[in-house]
C-alpha cells in the first residue's frame, strides 16, 4: 500500500480537538492567502480567525502565510488599517467618525503603508504572538510566545520579546542555504509522506538525501 497523505482540505484535521483548524479551507478574504496544512489552535472560536486574528484589515495590503505553519492561540496580525497620523498634534482619526469630519478623509487615506505581511513556510508562532504591518518572516522561523514582531525575521531565526529581537538562528548560514535549496514544503505530498520522520527529526544531510531520492524517481 502506498503511503497516504493527510488531507489539506479538511477544516478540522483532529476531529477530537475542534479547537484546531486548517486555515486554507477556512479563509474567504481575497486579501488573505494561506498555504496547505497551516493550522490555528484556539479553544474559543478558531473559525473566527479572519475577524479575531487579522485586525484592521481594510485593504489593499495582503496577508500571505505559507504552508505547514503552526499558529498558537491568540496569534494576531495587525494590518495597515491600524495606522494613525503622528505628524500633527493629535493622533485621533476624526474623519472616520462621520459628520463633516468625513470631509477630511484624505488625512486617513494618504497615510503611508508598510505593504503586505508575508510569512514563509514552516513557521511556528507561540501563544499570543503579534505581528505588526508589513513584516516579512522567513521560512522555518520560530516566534516566541508573547512576541511583538515589528521587523523582518530571517529564515530559521528565533525571535522573542517586545519588540521582538533575534535570539539565535536554528542553523548556521551554510545549513540555512542548504535547507532553502531543499525546500521540503514544496515536495509532492506523497514524497513528504514517505519522509515525515526525516523532515521532523533528520539532519540537513538526511533531508538532502531524501530530496535526491525524489529526483531519481
Protein backbone atom coordinates (compact mmCIF):
# COMPACT_ATOMS: atom_id res chain seq x y z
CA UNK A 1 0.00 0.00 0.00
CA UNK A 2 1.41 3.43 -0.90
CA UNK A 3 1.65 5.96 1.96
CA UNK A 4 -1.48 8.03 2.48
CA UNK A 5 -1.00 11.79 2.96
CA UNK A 6 -3.16 13.87 5.25
CA UNK A 7 -5.96 15.84 3.58
CA UNK A 8 -5.26 19.61 3.28
CA UNK A 9 -8.93 20.40 2.60
CA UNK A 10 -10.31 19.17 5.95
CA UNK A 11 -11.28 22.04 8.25
CA UNK A 12 -10.74 20.07 11.47
CA UNK A 13 -7.74 17.75 10.96
CA UNK A 14 -8.09 16.45 14.54
CA UNK A 15 -11.85 15.77 14.90
CA UNK A 16 -11.48 15.06 18.62
CA UNK A 17 -9.97 18.56 19.04
CA UNK A 18 -12.28 21.08 17.30
CA UNK A 19 -10.08 23.90 18.59
CA UNK A 20 -7.65 23.11 15.74
CA UNK A 21 -8.48 24.27 12.21
CA UNK A 22 -6.66 24.29 8.91
CA UNK A 23 -6.79 27.87 7.69
CA UNK A 24 -6.73 27.38 3.92
CA UNK A 25 -10.22 25.84 3.74
CA UNK A 26 -11.46 28.43 6.24
CA UNK A 27 -10.43 31.86 4.96
CA UNK A 28 -12.61 33.67 2.45
CA UNK A 29 -11.00 37.10 2.11
CA UNK A 30 -9.25 37.66 -1.24
CA UNK A 31 -6.67 39.63 0.74
CA UNK A 32 -5.59 36.60 2.80
CA UNK A 33 -3.63 33.72 1.30
CA UNK A 34 -2.73 30.63 3.36
CA UNK A 35 -0.80 27.56 2.28
CA UNK A 36 -1.68 23.89 2.76
CA UNK A 37 -1.69 22.43 6.28
CA UNK A 38 -1.14 25.72 8.11
CA UNK A 39 -3.25 25.48 11.25
CA UNK A 40 -4.56 27.65 14.08
CA UNK A 41 -5.35 26.44 17.61
CA UNK A 42 -7.89 28.27 19.77
CA UNK A 43 -10.22 26.82 22.46
CA UNK A 44 -12.78 29.60 21.98
CA UNK A 45 -13.56 30.01 18.28
CA UNK A 46 -10.78 29.11 15.83
CA UNK A 47 -13.17 29.50 12.89
CA UNK A 48 -13.35 33.26 13.56
CA UNK A 49 -9.68 33.66 12.62
CA UNK A 50 -10.33 36.22 9.86
CA UNK A 51 -12.14 38.63 12.17
CA UNK A 52 -10.48 37.96 15.53
CA UNK A 53 -6.89 37.43 14.48
CA UNK A 54 -6.42 39.57 11.37
CA UNK A 55 -7.11 43.07 12.67
CA UNK A 56 -7.70 46.44 10.96
CA UNK A 57 -7.61 44.77 7.56
CA UNK A 58 -9.25 47.45 5.47
CA UNK A 59 -7.05 46.75 2.45
CA UNK A 60 -5.47 46.74 -0.02
CA UNK A 61 -2.47 45.12 1.69
CA UNK A 62 -2.40 41.33 1.76
CA UNK A 63 -1.61 38.78 4.44
CA UNK A 64 0.28 35.83 2.97
CA UNK A 65 1.06 32.80 5.15
CA UNK A 66 2.98 29.83 3.77
CA UNK A 67 2.50 26.08 4.11
CA UNK A 68 2.95 23.96 7.23
CA UNK A 69 2.82 26.88 9.70
CA UNK A 70 1.64 26.41 13.29
CA UNK A 71 -0.23 29.33 14.87
CA UNK A 72 -0.71 29.20 18.63
CA UNK A 73 -3.77 30.61 20.36
CA UNK A 74 -4.02 34.37 20.12
CA UNK A 75 -1.60 34.83 17.22
CA UNK A 76 -2.60 38.15 15.71
CA UNK A 77 -1.69 40.07 12.59
CA UNK A 78 -2.06 43.85 12.81
CA UNK A 79 -2.63 45.26 9.34
CA UNK A 80 -2.00 48.73 7.93
CA UNK A 81 -5.53 49.93 8.72
CA UNK A 82 -4.40 50.34 12.33
CA UNK A 83 -2.14 53.23 11.35
CA UNK A 84 -2.78 56.74 12.73
CA UNK A 85 -1.23 60.06 11.82
CA UNK A 86 1.65 61.11 14.03
CA UNK A 87 2.77 64.26 12.22
CA UNK A 88 0.25 66.60 13.89
CA UNK A 89 -0.80 67.42 17.45
CA UNK A 90 -3.47 64.66 17.60
CA UNK A 91 -3.39 61.01 16.55
CA UNK A 92 -7.22 60.71 16.73
CA UNK A 93 -8.81 59.58 13.41
CA UNK A 94 -11.52 62.28 13.24
CA UNK A 95 -12.67 61.56 9.63
CA UNK A 96 -13.73 58.00 10.49
CA UNK A 97 -16.32 59.27 12.99
CA UNK A 98 -18.67 60.78 10.39
CA UNK A 99 -20.38 64.13 10.09
CA UNK A 100 -18.45 66.95 8.49
CA UNK A 101 -15.29 65.36 9.85
CA UNK A 102 -15.56 62.86 6.97
CA UNK A 103 -14.72 65.70 4.54
CA UNK A 104 -11.13 65.31 5.70
CA UNK A 105 -10.83 61.63 4.85
CA UNK A 106 -7.73 62.31 2.78
CA UNK A 107 -5.92 62.72 6.09
CA UNK A 108 -6.52 58.99 6.61
CA UNK A 109 -6.15 57.62 3.09
CA UNK A 110 -2.79 59.29 2.44
CA UNK A 111 -1.14 57.57 5.39
CA UNK A 112 1.97 55.61 4.37
CA UNK A 113 1.55 51.83 4.38
CA UNK A 114 4.19 49.19 5.02
CA UNK A 115 2.96 46.82 2.33
CA UNK A 116 1.97 43.16 2.52
CA UNK A 117 2.64 40.99 5.56
CA UNK A 118 4.36 37.82 4.37
CA UNK A 119 5.07 34.66 6.39
CA UNK A 120 7.22 31.89 4.92
CA UNK A 121 6.72 28.14 5.19
CA UNK A 122 7.14 26.02 8.33
CA UNK A 123 6.90 28.94 10.79
CA UNK A 124 5.86 28.33 14.42
CA UNK A 125 4.03 31.09 16.30
CA UNK A 126 3.83 30.77 20.07
CA UNK A 127 0.81 31.71 22.18
CA UNK A 128 -0.16 35.36 21.91
CA UNK A 129 2.37 36.38 19.27
CA UNK A 130 1.62 39.66 17.48
CA UNK A 131 2.88 40.59 14.01
CA UNK A 132 2.89 44.25 13.02
CA UNK A 133 2.10 45.55 9.49
CA UNK A 134 4.41 44.88 6.58
CA UNK A 135 6.63 42.38 8.40
CA UNK A 136 8.28 39.56 6.48
CA UNK A 137 9.02 36.34 8.36
CA UNK A 138 11.39 33.82 6.81
CA UNK A 139 10.99 30.08 6.31
CA UNK A 140 11.49 27.87 9.34
CA UNK A 141 11.35 30.75 11.83
CA UNK A 142 10.07 30.47 15.40
CA UNK A 143 8.15 33.35 17.02
CA UNK A 144 8.19 33.05 20.81
CA UNK A 145 5.04 33.28 22.92
CA UNK A 146 4.03 36.88 23.53
CA UNK A 147 6.49 38.27 20.98
CA UNK A 148 5.62 41.52 19.21
CA UNK A 149 7.26 41.31 15.79
CA UNK A 150 7.96 44.79 14.47
CA UNK A 151 10.69 43.96 11.94
CA UNK A 152 11.63 41.25 9.48
CA UNK A 153 12.69 37.82 10.75
CA UNK A 154 15.41 35.86 8.92
CA UNK A 155 14.98 32.32 7.65
CA UNK A 156 15.25 29.86 10.57
CA UNK A 157 15.54 32.70 13.06
CA UNK A 158 14.12 32.53 16.60
CA UNK A 159 12.75 35.83 17.91
CA UNK A 160 11.15 36.85 21.20
CA UNK A 161 10.28 39.85 23.32
CA UNK A 162 8.56 43.20 22.84
CA UNK A 163 9.76 44.43 20.45
CA UNK A 164 10.95 41.04 19.24
CA UNK A 165 14.70 40.57 18.93
CA UNK A 166 16.67 37.80 17.26
CA UNK A 167 17.63 35.28 19.94
CA UNK A 168 19.53 32.95 17.64
CA UNK A 169 19.24 31.10 14.36
CA UNK A 170 18.37 27.43 14.30
CA UNK A 171 21.16 26.60 11.82
CA UNK A 172 24.32 28.30 10.61
CA UNK A 173 24.22 30.28 7.37
CA UNK A 174 25.52 27.41 5.23
CA UNK A 175 22.92 24.97 6.52
CA UNK A 176 20.16 27.55 6.10
CA UNK A 177 21.13 27.83 2.43
CA UNK A 178 21.02 24.03 2.12
CA UNK A 179 17.58 23.87 3.74
CA UNK A 180 16.23 26.58 1.48
CA UNK A 181 17.59 24.72 -1.54
CA UNK A 182 15.82 21.53 -0.41
CA UNK A 183 12.53 23.40 0.24
CA UNK A 184 10.82 20.25 1.50
CA UNK A 185 7.47 22.09 1.81
CA UNK A 186 7.27 22.15 -1.99
CA UNK A 187 7.74 18.39 -2.37
CA UNK A 188 4.80 16.33 -3.66
CA UNK A 189 2.62 15.16 -0.78
CA UNK A 190 3.44 11.51 -1.42
CA UNK A 191 7.16 12.23 -1.06
CA UNK A 192 6.60 14.28 2.09
CA UNK A 193 4.58 11.38 3.48
CA UNK A 194 7.40 8.92 2.80
CA UNK A 195 9.88 11.12 4.64
CA UNK A 196 7.94 12.59 7.57
CA UNK A 197 10.46 11.20 10.08
CA UNK A 198 13.36 12.76 8.19
CA UNK A 199 11.58 16.12 7.94
CA UNK A 200 10.81 16.11 11.66
CA UNK A 201 13.97 14.64 13.15
CA UNK A 202 16.63 14.12 10.48
CA UNK A 203 19.78 16.08 9.71
CA UNK A 204 20.22 18.53 6.84
CA UNK A 205 22.16 15.82 5.01
CA UNK A 206 19.32 13.35 5.56
CA UNK A 207 16.90 15.83 4.05
CA UNK A 208 19.16 16.37 1.05
CA UNK A 209 19.33 12.61 0.52
CA UNK A 210 15.53 12.39 0.64
CA UNK A 211 15.33 15.17 -1.94
CA UNK A 212 17.80 13.31 -4.16
CA UNK A 213 15.63 10.19 -4.00
CA UNK A 214 12.73 12.24 -5.30
CA UNK A 215 14.86 13.48 -8.20
CA UNK A 216 15.75 9.88 -9.10
CA UNK A 217 12.16 8.68 -9.19
